[in-house]
């Protein structure tokens, strides 16, 4: 992973960690259900952004490297790996 991507993801994940702690407090405090669900949706959206950023970095560097390397086995492996993870993201 590129340093700028790693740093951006770590920053986002720190914010998400705070959001999750806040969610836990909301549940402990027996807050209104819809408020909790709204915050859960916000955490999921934030995690989705991290997922997209990591995937974008992977394609831009790891997959691109396999393609430009000329190594057919590495190319097949990266494409297979990408198809598998994309399938999981749809589920």
PDB file of N, CA and C in Angstrom:
ATOM      1  N   UNK A   1       0.854  -1.175   0.000  1.00  0.00           N
ATOM      2  CA  UNK A   1       0.000   0.000   0.000  1.00  0.00           C
ATOM      3  C   UNK A   1       0.899   1.237   0.000  1.00  0.00           C
ATOM      4  N   UNK A   2       0.522   2.217  -0.775  1.00  0.00           N
ATOM      5  CA  UNK A   2       1.272   3.464  -0.842  1.00  0.00           C
ATOM      6  C   UNK A   2       1.136   4.229   0.481  1.00  0.00           C
ATOM      7  N   UNK A   3       2.180   4.966   0.852  1.00  0.00           N
ATOM      8  CA  UNK A   3       2.188   5.670   2.135  1.00  0.00           C
ATOM      9  C   UNK A   3       1.035   6.647   2.290  1.00  0.00           C
ATOM     10  N   UNK A   4       0.715   7.397   1.233  1.00  0.00           N
ATOM     11  CA  UNK A   4      -0.378   8.367   1.344  1.00  0.00           C
ATOM     12  C   UNK A   4      -1.715   7.666   1.552  1.00  0.00           C
ATOM     13  N   UNK A   5      -1.916   6.540   0.890  1.00  0.00           N
ATOM     14  CA  UNK A   5      -3.150   5.767   1.075  1.00  0.00           C
ATOM     15  C   UNK A   5      -3.210   5.192   2.475  1.00  0.00           C
ATOM     16  N   UNK A   6      -2.096   4.635   2.933  1.00  0.00           N
ATOM     17  CA  UNK A   6      -2.039   4.058   4.277  1.00  0.00           C
ATOM     18  C   UNK A   6      -2.363   5.119   5.326  1.00  0.00           C
ATOM     19  N   UNK A   7      -1.751   6.293   5.191  1.00  0.00           N
ATOM     20  CA  UNK A   7      -2.000   7.365   6.157  1.00  0.00           C
ATOM     21  C   UNK A   7      -3.453   7.825   6.137  1.00  0.00           C
ATOM     22  N   UNK A   8      -4.016   7.967   4.941  1.00  0.00           N
ATOM     23  CA  UNK A   8      -5.418   8.380   4.824  1.00  0.00           C
ATOM     24  C   UNK A   8      -6.344   7.333   5.443  1.00  0.00           C
ATOM     25  N   UNK A   9      -6.049   6.071   5.196  1.00  0.00           N
ATOM     26  CA  UNK A   9      -6.881   5.000   5.749  1.00  0.00           C
ATOM     27  C   UNK A   9      -6.769   4.944   7.270  1.00  0.00           C
ATOM     28  N   UNK A  10      -5.565   5.095   7.777  1.00  0.00           N
ATOM     29  CA  UNK A  10      -5.383   5.088   9.234  1.00  0.00           C
ATOM     30  C   UNK A  10      -6.133   6.248   9.890  1.00  0.00           C
ATOM     31  N   UNK A  11      -6.103   7.397   9.249  1.00  0.00           N
ATOM     32  CA  UNK A  11      -6.828   8.558   9.770  1.00  0.00           C
ATOM     33  C   UNK A  11      -8.331   8.279   9.790  1.00  0.00           C
ATOM     34  N   UNK A  12      -8.834   7.739   8.687  1.00  0.00           N
ATOM     35  CA  UNK A  12     -10.263   7.396   8.621  1.00  0.00           C
ATOM     36  C   UNK A  12     -10.626   6.349   9.673  1.00  0.00           C
ATOM     37  N   UNK A  13      -9.775   5.340   9.796  1.00  0.00           N
ATOM     38  CA  UNK A  13     -10.058   4.263  10.748  1.00  0.00           C
ATOM     39  C   UNK A  13     -10.050   4.767  12.192  1.00  0.00           C
ATOM     40  N   UNK A  14      -9.222   5.740  12.487  1.00  0.00           N
ATOM     41  CA  UNK A  14      -9.238   6.335  13.828  1.00  0.00           C
ATOM     42  C   UNK A  14     -10.568   7.036  14.085  1.00  0.00           C
ATOM     43  N   UNK A  15     -11.050   7.754  13.076  1.00  0.00           N
ATOM     44  CA  UNK A  15     -12.360   8.405  13.230  1.00  0.00           C
ATOM     45  C   UNK A  15     -13.460   7.362  13.393  1.00  0.00           C
ATOM     46  N   UNK A  16     -13.373   6.296  12.608  1.00  0.00           N
ATOM     47  CA  UNK A  16     -14.379   5.228  12.696  1.00  0.00           C
ATOM     48  C   UNK A  16     -14.352   4.591  14.080  1.00  0.00           C
ATOM     49  N   UNK A  17     -13.158   4.386  14.596  1.00  0.00           N
ATOM     50  CA  UNK A  17     -13.023   3.818  15.938  1.00  0.00           C
ATOM     51  C   UNK A  17     -13.753   4.694  16.955  1.00  0.00           C
ATOM     52  N   UNK A  18     -13.605   5.991  16.834  1.00  0.00           N
ATOM     53  CA  UNK A  18     -14.320   6.907  17.724  1.00  0.00           C
ATOM     54  C   UNK A  18     -15.823   6.822  17.536  1.00  0.00           C
ATOM     55  N   UNK A  19     -16.247   6.698  16.278  1.00  0.00           N
ATOM     56  CA  UNK A  19     -17.680   6.566  16.006  1.00  0.00           C
ATOM     57  C   UNK A  19     -18.237   5.297  16.644  1.00  0.00           C
ATOM     58  N   UNK A  20     -17.475   4.202  16.571  1.00  0.00           N
ATOM     59  CA  UNK A  20     -17.945   2.932  17.131  1.00  0.00           C
ATOM     60  C   UNK A  20     -18.025   3.030  18.650  1.00  0.00           C
ATOM     61  N   UNK A  21     -17.041   3.675  19.261  1.00  0.00           N
ATOM     62  CA  UNK A  21     -17.112   3.876  20.720  1.00  0.00           C
ATOM     63  C   UNK A  21     -18.341   4.705  21.073  1.00  0.00           C
ATOM     64  N   UNK A  22     -18.621   5.723  20.256  1.00  0.00           N
ATOM     65  CA  UNK A  22     -19.820   6.530  20.470  1.00  0.00           C
ATOM     66  C   UNK A  22     -21.090   5.711  20.345  1.00  0.00           C
ATOM     67  N   UNK A  23     -21.096   4.803  19.378  1.00  0.00           N
ATOM     68  CA  UNK A  23     -22.257   3.904  19.214  1.00  0.00           C
ATOM     69  C   UNK A  23     -22.453   3.048  20.452  1.00  0.00           C
ATOM     70  N   UNK A  24     -21.368   2.540  20.967  1.00  0.00           N
ATOM     71  CA  UNK A  24     -21.437   1.704  22.162  1.00  0.00           C
ATOM     72  C   UNK A  24     -22.041   2.504  23.322  1.00  0.00           C
ATOM     73  N   UNK A  25     -21.606   3.750  23.472  1.00  0.00           N
ATOM     74  CA  UNK A  25     -22.172   4.606  24.532  1.00  0.00           C
ATOM     75  C   UNK A  25     -23.656   4.857  24.290  1.00  0.00           C
ATOM     76  N   UNK A  26     -24.024   5.044  23.029  1.00  0.00           N
ATOM     77  CA  UNK A  26     -25.440   5.263  22.717  1.00  0.00           C
ATOM     78  C   UNK A  26     -26.280   4.075  23.146  1.00  0.00           C
ATOM     79  N   UNK A  27     -25.780   2.869  22.881  1.00  0.00           N
ATOM     80  CA  UNK A  27     -26.519   1.655  23.271  1.00  0.00           C
ATOM     81  C   UNK A  27     -26.563   1.556  24.803  1.00  0.00           C
ATOM     82  N   UNK A  28     -25.415   1.790  25.444  1.00  0.00           N
ATOM     83  CA  UNK A  28     -25.373   1.758  26.911  1.00  0.00           C
ATOM     84  C   UNK A  28     -26.349   2.751  27.523  1.00  0.00           C
ATOM     85  N   UNK A  29     -26.463   3.930  26.908  1.00  0.00           N
ATOM     86  CA  UNK A  29     -27.345   4.984  27.416  1.00  0.00           C
ATOM     87  C   UNK A  29     -28.794   4.798  26.983  1.00  0.00           C
ATOM     88  N   UNK A  30     -29.053   3.703  26.274  1.00  0.00           N
ATOM     89  CA  UNK A  30     -30.407   3.384  25.821  1.00  0.00           C
ATOM     90  C   UNK A  30     -30.990   4.514  24.970  1.00  0.00           C
ATOM     91  N   UNK A  31     -30.192   5.036  24.050  1.00  0.00           N
ATOM     92  CA  UNK A  31     -30.633   6.114  23.172  1.00  0.00           C
ATOM     93  C   UNK A  31     -31.682   5.607  22.186  1.00  0.00           C
ATOM     94  N   UNK A  32     -32.347   6.532  21.561  1.00  0.00           N
ATOM     95  CA  UNK A  32     -33.410   6.250  20.600  1.00  0.00           C
ATOM     96  C   UNK A  32     -32.878   5.369  19.466  1.00  0.00           C
ATOM     97  N   UNK A  33     -33.615   4.308  19.160  1.00  0.00           N
ATOM     98  CA  UNK A  33     -33.179   3.299  18.188  1.00  0.00           C
ATOM     99  C   UNK A  33     -32.808   3.892  16.828  1.00  0.00           C
ATOM    100  N   UNK A  34     -33.612   4.799  16.346  1.00  0.00           N
ATOM    101  CA  UNK A  34     -33.362   5.379  15.028  1.00  0.00           C
ATOM    102  C   UNK A  34     -32.056   6.169  15.021  1.00  0.00           C
ATOM    103  N   UNK A  35     -31.740   6.824  16.123  1.00  0.00           N
ATOM    104  CA  UNK A  35     -30.465   7.538  16.216  1.00  0.00           C
ATOM    105  C   UNK A  35     -29.299   6.552  16.141  1.00  0.00           C
ATOM    106  N   UNK A  36     -29.445   5.416  16.792  1.00  0.00           N
ATOM    107  CA  UNK A  36     -28.399   4.388  16.761  1.00  0.00           C
ATOM    108  C   UNK A  36     -28.246   3.836  15.350  1.00  0.00           C
ATOM    109  N   UNK A  37     -29.359   3.515  14.721  1.00  0.00           N
ATOM    110  CA  UNK A  37     -29.320   2.972  13.361  1.00  0.00           C
ATOM    111  C   UNK A  37     -28.691   3.987  12.402  1.00  0.00           C
ATOM    112  N   UNK A  38     -29.001   5.249  12.580  1.00  0.00           N
ATOM    113  CA  UNK A  38     -28.412   6.301  11.746  1.00  0.00           C
ATOM    114  C   UNK A  38     -26.897   6.326  11.911  1.00  0.00           C
ATOM    115  N   UNK A  39     -26.421   6.193  13.128  1.00  0.00           N
ATOM    116  CA  UNK A  39     -24.975   6.185  13.369  1.00  0.00           C
ATOM    117  C   UNK A  39     -24.315   4.912  12.843  1.00  0.00           C
ATOM    118  N   UNK A  40     -25.014   3.792  12.926  1.00  0.00           N
ATOM    119  CA  UNK A  40     -24.491   2.545  12.352  1.00  0.00           C
ATOM    120  C   UNK A  40     -24.310   2.722  10.844  1.00  0.00           C
ATOM    121  N   UNK A  41     -25.283   3.345  10.196  1.00  0.00           N
ATOM    122  CA  UNK A  41     -25.192   3.592   8.749  1.00  0.00           C
ATOM    123  C   UNK A  41     -24.003   4.498   8.438  1.00  0.00           C
ATOM    124  N   UNK A  42     -23.749   5.479   9.288  1.00  0.00           N
ATOM    125  CA  UNK A  42     -22.614   6.379   9.076  1.00  0.00           C
ATOM    126  C   UNK A  42     -21.289   5.614   9.196  1.00  0.00           C
ATOM    127  N   UNK A  43     -21.202   4.701  10.153  1.00  0.00           N
ATOM    128  CA  UNK A  43     -19.987   3.888  10.320  1.00  0.00           C
ATOM    129  C   UNK A  43     -19.797   2.987   9.103  1.00  0.00           C
ATOM    130  N   UNK A  44     -20.871   2.363   8.659  1.00  0.00           N
ATOM    131  CA  UNK A  44     -20.769   1.496   7.477  1.00  0.00           C
ATOM    132  C   UNK A  44     -20.312   2.286   6.255  1.00  0.00           C
ATOM    133  N   UNK A  45     -20.846   3.495   6.088  1.00  0.00           N
ATOM    134  CA  UNK A  45     -20.443   4.331   4.950  1.00  0.00           C
ATOM    135  C   UNK A  45     -18.962   4.705   5.054  1.00  0.00           C
ATOM    136  N   UNK A  46     -18.503   4.995   6.258  1.00  0.00           N
ATOM    137  CA  UNK A  46     -17.096   5.348   6.459  1.00  0.00           C
ATOM    138  C   UNK A  46     -16.195   4.145   6.171  1.00  0.00           C
ATOM    139  N   UNK A  47     -16.606   2.963   6.604  1.00  0.00           N
ATOM    140  CA  UNK A  47     -15.840   1.752   6.313  1.00  0.00           C
ATOM    141  C   UNK A  47     -15.806   1.474   4.811  1.00  0.00           C
ATOM    142  N   UNK A  48     -16.906   1.750   4.153  1.00  0.00           N
ATOM    143  CA  UNK A  48     -16.967   1.562   2.697  1.00  0.00           C
ATOM    144  C   UNK A  48     -15.938   2.459   1.998  1.00  0.00           C
ATOM    145  N   UNK A  49     -15.772   3.676   2.498  1.00  0.00           N
ATOM    146  CA  UNK A  49     -14.777   4.590   1.923  1.00  0.00           C
ATOM    147  C   UNK A  49     -13.366   4.026   2.094  1.00  0.00           C
ATOM    148  N   UNK A  50     -13.077   3.448   3.260  1.00  0.00           N
ATOM    149  CA  UNK A  50     -11.769   2.838   3.483  1.00  0.00           C
ATOM    150  C   UNK A  50     -11.583   1.669   2.521  1.00  0.00           C
ATOM    151  N   UNK A  51     -12.599   0.854   2.413  1.00  0.00           N
ATOM    152  CA  UNK A  51     -12.556  -0.291   1.508  1.00  0.00           C
ATOM    153  C   UNK A  51     -12.270   0.163   0.074  1.00  0.00           C
ATOM    154  N   UNK A  52     -12.959   1.194  -0.385  1.00  0.00           N
ATOM    155  CA  UNK A  52     -12.763   1.711  -1.737  1.00  0.00           C
ATOM    156  C   UNK A  52     -11.347   2.236  -1.932  1.00  0.00           C
ATOM    157  N   UNK A  53     -10.841   2.943  -0.933  1.00  0.00           N
ATOM    158  CA  UNK A  53      -9.493   3.520  -1.025  1.00  0.00           C
ATOM    159  C   UNK A  53      -8.433   2.420  -1.113  1.00  0.00           C
ATOM    160  N   UNK A  54      -8.576   1.383  -0.293  1.00  0.00           N
ATOM    161  CA  UNK A  54      -7.620   0.271  -0.312  1.00  0.00           C
ATOM    162  C   UNK A  54      -7.705  -0.461  -1.647  1.00  0.00           C
ATOM    163  N   UNK A  55      -8.907  -0.692  -2.117  1.00  0.00           N
ATOM    164  CA  UNK A  55      -9.079  -1.382  -3.393  1.00  0.00           C
ATOM    165  C   UNK A  55      -8.509  -0.553  -4.546  1.00  0.00           C
ATOM    166  N   UNK A  56      -8.755   0.739  -4.523  1.00  0.00           N
ATOM    167  CA  UNK A  56      -8.227   1.631  -5.562  1.00  0.00           C
ATOM    168  C   UNK A  56      -6.693   1.571  -5.571  1.00  0.00           C
ATOM    169  N   UNK A  57      -6.088   1.604  -4.389  1.00  0.00           N
ATOM    170  CA  UNK A  57      -4.633   1.530  -4.274  1.00  0.00           C
ATOM    171  C   UNK A  57      -4.123   0.186  -4.789  1.00  0.00           C
ATOM    172  N   UNK A  58      -4.836  -0.869  -4.452  1.00  0.00           N
ATOM    173  CA  UNK A  58      -4.444  -2.213  -4.888  1.00  0.00           C
ATOM    174  C   UNK A  58      -4.423  -2.310  -6.413  1.00  0.00           C
ATOM    175  N   UNK A  59      -5.476  -1.817  -7.038  1.00  0.00           N
ATOM    176  CA  UNK A  59      -5.560  -1.867  -8.498  1.00  0.00           C
ATOM    177  C   UNK A  59      -4.481  -0.986  -9.127  1.00  0.00           C
ATOM    178  N   UNK A  60      -4.296   0.194  -8.562  1.00  0.00           N
ATOM    179  CA  UNK A  60      -3.344   1.149  -9.136  1.00  0.00           C
ATOM    180  C   UNK A  60      -1.901   0.696  -9.004  1.00  0.00           C
ATOM    181  N   UNK A  61      -1.611  -0.144  -8.034  1.00  0.00           N
ATOM    182  CA  UNK A  61      -0.221  -0.524  -7.825  1.00  0.00           C
ATOM    183  C   UNK A  61       0.020  -2.024  -7.972  1.00  0.00           C
ATOM    184  N   UNK A  62      -0.658  -2.830  -7.189  1.00  0.00           N
ATOM    185  CA  UNK A  62      -0.400  -4.273  -7.214  1.00  0.00           C
ATOM    186  C   UNK A  62      -0.842  -4.909  -8.531  1.00  0.00           C
ATOM    187  N   UNK A  63      -2.068  -4.628  -8.934  1.00  0.00           N
ATOM    188  CA  UNK A  63      -2.577  -5.207 -10.179  1.00  0.00           C
ATOM    189  C   UNK A  63      -1.828  -4.617 -11.374  1.00  0.00           C
ATOM    190  N   UNK A  64      -1.619  -3.314 -11.347  1.00  0.00           N
ATOM    191  CA  UNK A  64      -0.885  -2.687 -12.443  1.00  0.00           C
ATOM    192  C   UNK A  64       0.528  -3.275 -12.562  1.00  0.00           C
ATOM    193  N   UNK A  65       1.179  -3.505 -11.443  1.00  0.00           N
ATOM    194  CA  UNK A  65       2.525  -4.087 -11.470  1.00  0.00           C
ATOM    195  C   UNK A  65       2.497  -5.484 -12.110  1.00  0.00           C
ATOM    196  N   UNK A  66       1.492  -6.286 -11.741  1.00  0.00           N
ATOM    197  CA  UNK A  66       1.392  -7.634 -12.322  1.00  0.00           C
ATOM    198  C   UNK A  66       1.176  -7.551 -13.835  1.00  0.00           C
ATOM    199  N   UNK A  67       0.364  -6.609 -14.258  1.00  0.00           N
ATOM    200  CA  UNK A  67       0.087  -6.467 -15.688  1.00  0.00           C
ATOM    201  C   UNK A  67       1.341  -6.045 -16.445  1.00  0.00           C
ATOM    202  N   UNK A  68       2.062  -5.066 -15.913  1.00  0.00           N
ATOM    203  CA  UNK A  68       3.243  -4.561 -16.619  1.00  0.00           C
ATOM    204  C   UNK A  68       4.447  -5.483 -16.488  1.00  0.00           C
ATOM    205  N   UNK A  69       4.389  -6.429 -15.542  1.00  0.00           N
ATOM    206  CA  UNK A  69       5.531  -7.337 -15.346  1.00  0.00           C
ATOM    207  C   UNK A  69       5.687  -8.329 -16.491  1.00  0.00           C
ATOM    208  N   UNK A  70       4.589  -8.610 -17.173  1.00  0.00           N
ATOM    209  CA  UNK A  70       4.630  -9.597 -18.237  1.00  0.00           C
ATOM    210  C   UNK A  70       4.542 -11.030 -17.729  1.00  0.00           C
ATOM    211  N   UNK A  71       4.445 -11.206 -16.423  1.00  0.00           N
ATOM    212  CA  UNK A  71       4.351 -12.532 -15.797  1.00  0.00           C
ATOM    213  C   UNK A  71       2.889 -12.990 -15.834  1.00  0.00           C
ATOM    214  N   UNK A  72       2.590 -13.911 -16.742  1.00  0.00           N
ATOM    215  CA  UNK A  72       1.206 -14.362 -16.939  1.00  0.00           C
ATOM    216  C   UNK A  72       0.618 -14.982 -15.675  1.00  0.00           C
ATOM    217  N   UNK A  73       1.421 -15.723 -14.921  1.00  0.00           N
ATOM    218  CA  UNK A  73       0.914 -16.326 -13.678  1.00  0.00           C
ATOM    219  C   UNK A  73       0.546 -15.254 -12.658  1.00  0.00           C
ATOM    220  N   UNK A  74       1.381 -14.238 -12.517  1.00  0.00           N
ATOM    221  CA  UNK A  74       1.096 -13.135 -11.591  1.00  0.00           C
ATOM    222  C   UNK A  74      -0.146 -12.374 -12.041  1.00  0.00           C
ATOM    223  N   UNK A  75      -0.279 -12.184 -13.356  1.00  0.00           N
ATOM    224  CA  UNK A  75      -1.452 -11.489 -13.889  1.00  0.00           C
ATOM    225  C   UNK A  75      -2.727 -12.260 -13.571  1.00  0.00           C
ATOM    226  N   UNK A  76      -2.704 -13.567 -13.833  1.00  0.00           N
ATOM    227  CA  UNK A  76      -3.880 -14.402 -13.546  1.00  0.00           C
ATOM    228  C   UNK A  76      -4.206 -14.380 -12.057  1.00  0.00           C
ATOM    229  N   UNK A  77      -3.185 -14.472 -11.229  1.00  0.00           N
ATOM    230  CA  UNK A  77      -3.393 -14.490  -9.778  1.00  0.00           C
ATOM    231  C   UNK A  77      -4.039 -13.189  -9.306  1.00  0.00           C
ATOM    232  N   UNK A  78      -3.546 -12.052  -9.779  1.00  0.00           N
ATOM    233  CA  UNK A  78      -4.105 -10.761  -9.354  1.00  0.00           C
ATOM    234  C   UNK A  78      -5.530 -10.575  -9.848  1.00  0.00           C
ATOM    235  N   UNK A  79      -5.788 -10.974 -11.084  1.00  0.00           N
ATOM    236  CA  UNK A  79      -7.147 -10.850 -11.624  1.00  0.00           C
ATOM    237  C   UNK A  79      -8.099 -11.769 -10.861  1.00  0.00           C
ATOM    238  N   UNK A  80      -7.668 -12.984 -10.590  1.00  0.00           N
ATOM    239  CA  UNK A  80      -8.487 -13.931  -9.828  1.00  0.00           C
ATOM    240  C   UNK A  80      -8.781 -13.394  -8.430  1.00  0.00           C
ATOM    241  N   UNK A  81      -7.749 -12.873  -7.802  1.00  0.00           N
ATOM    242  CA  UNK A  81      -7.888 -12.290  -6.461  1.00  0.00           C
ATOM    243  C   UNK A  81      -8.877 -11.122  -6.491  1.00  0.00           C
ATOM    244  N   UNK A  82      -8.772 -10.283  -7.498  1.00  0.00           N
ATOM    245  CA  UNK A  82      -9.651  -9.137  -7.631  1.00  0.00           C
ATOM    246  C   UNK A  82     -11.097  -9.566  -7.848  1.00  0.00           C
ATOM    247  N   UNK A  83     -11.316 -10.545  -8.701  1.00  0.00           N
ATOM    248  CA  UNK A  83     -12.674 -11.049  -8.948  1.00  0.00           C
ATOM    249  C   UNK A  83     -13.260 -11.621  -7.661  1.00  0.00           C
ATOM    250  N   UNK A  84     -12.454 -12.355  -6.927  1.00  0.00           N
ATOM    251  CA  UNK A  84     -12.936 -12.945  -5.669  1.00  0.00           C
ATOM    252  C   UNK A  84     -13.351 -11.872  -4.667  1.00  0.00           C
ATOM    253  N   UNK A  85     -12.506 -10.870  -4.488  1.00  0.00           N
ATOM    254  CA  UNK A  85     -12.843  -9.829  -3.503  1.00  0.00           C
ATOM    255  C   UNK A  85     -14.027  -8.993  -3.965  1.00  0.00           C
ATOM    256  N   UNK A  86     -14.127  -8.714  -5.249  1.00  0.00           N
ATOM    257  CA  UNK A  86     -15.282  -7.976  -5.748  1.00  0.00           C
ATOM    258  C   UNK A  86     -16.569  -8.753  -5.541  1.00  0.00           C
ATOM    259  N   UNK A  87     -16.496 -10.074  -5.693  1.00  0.00           N
ATOM    260  CA  UNK A  87     -17.662 -10.919  -5.422  1.00  0.00           C
ATOM    261  C   UNK A  87     -18.098 -10.825  -3.970  1.00  0.00           C
ATOM    262  N   UNK A  88     -17.130 -10.774  -3.066  1.00  0.00           N
ATOM    263  CA  UNK A  88     -17.451 -10.653  -1.636  1.00  0.00           C
ATOM    264  C   UNK A  88     -18.050  -9.299  -1.310  1.00  0.00           C
ATOM    265  N   UNK A  89     -17.615  -8.268  -2.022  1.00  0.00           N
ATOM    266  CA  UNK A  89     -18.129  -6.932  -1.766  1.00  0.00           C
ATOM    267  C   UNK A  89     -19.594  -6.797  -2.170  1.00  0.00           C
ATOM    268  N   UNK A  90     -19.999  -7.558  -3.169  1.00  0.00           N
ATOM    269  CA  UNK A  90     -21.388  -7.521  -3.609  1.00  0.00           C
ATOM    270  C   UNK A  90     -22.325  -8.208  -2.619  1.00  0.00           C
ATOM    271  N   UNK A  91     -21.789  -9.173  -1.887  1.00  0.00           N
ATOM    272  CA  UNK A  91     -22.622  -9.970  -0.965  1.00  0.00           C
ATOM    273  C   UNK A  91     -23.020  -9.205   0.256  1.00  0.00           C
TER     274      UNK A  91
END
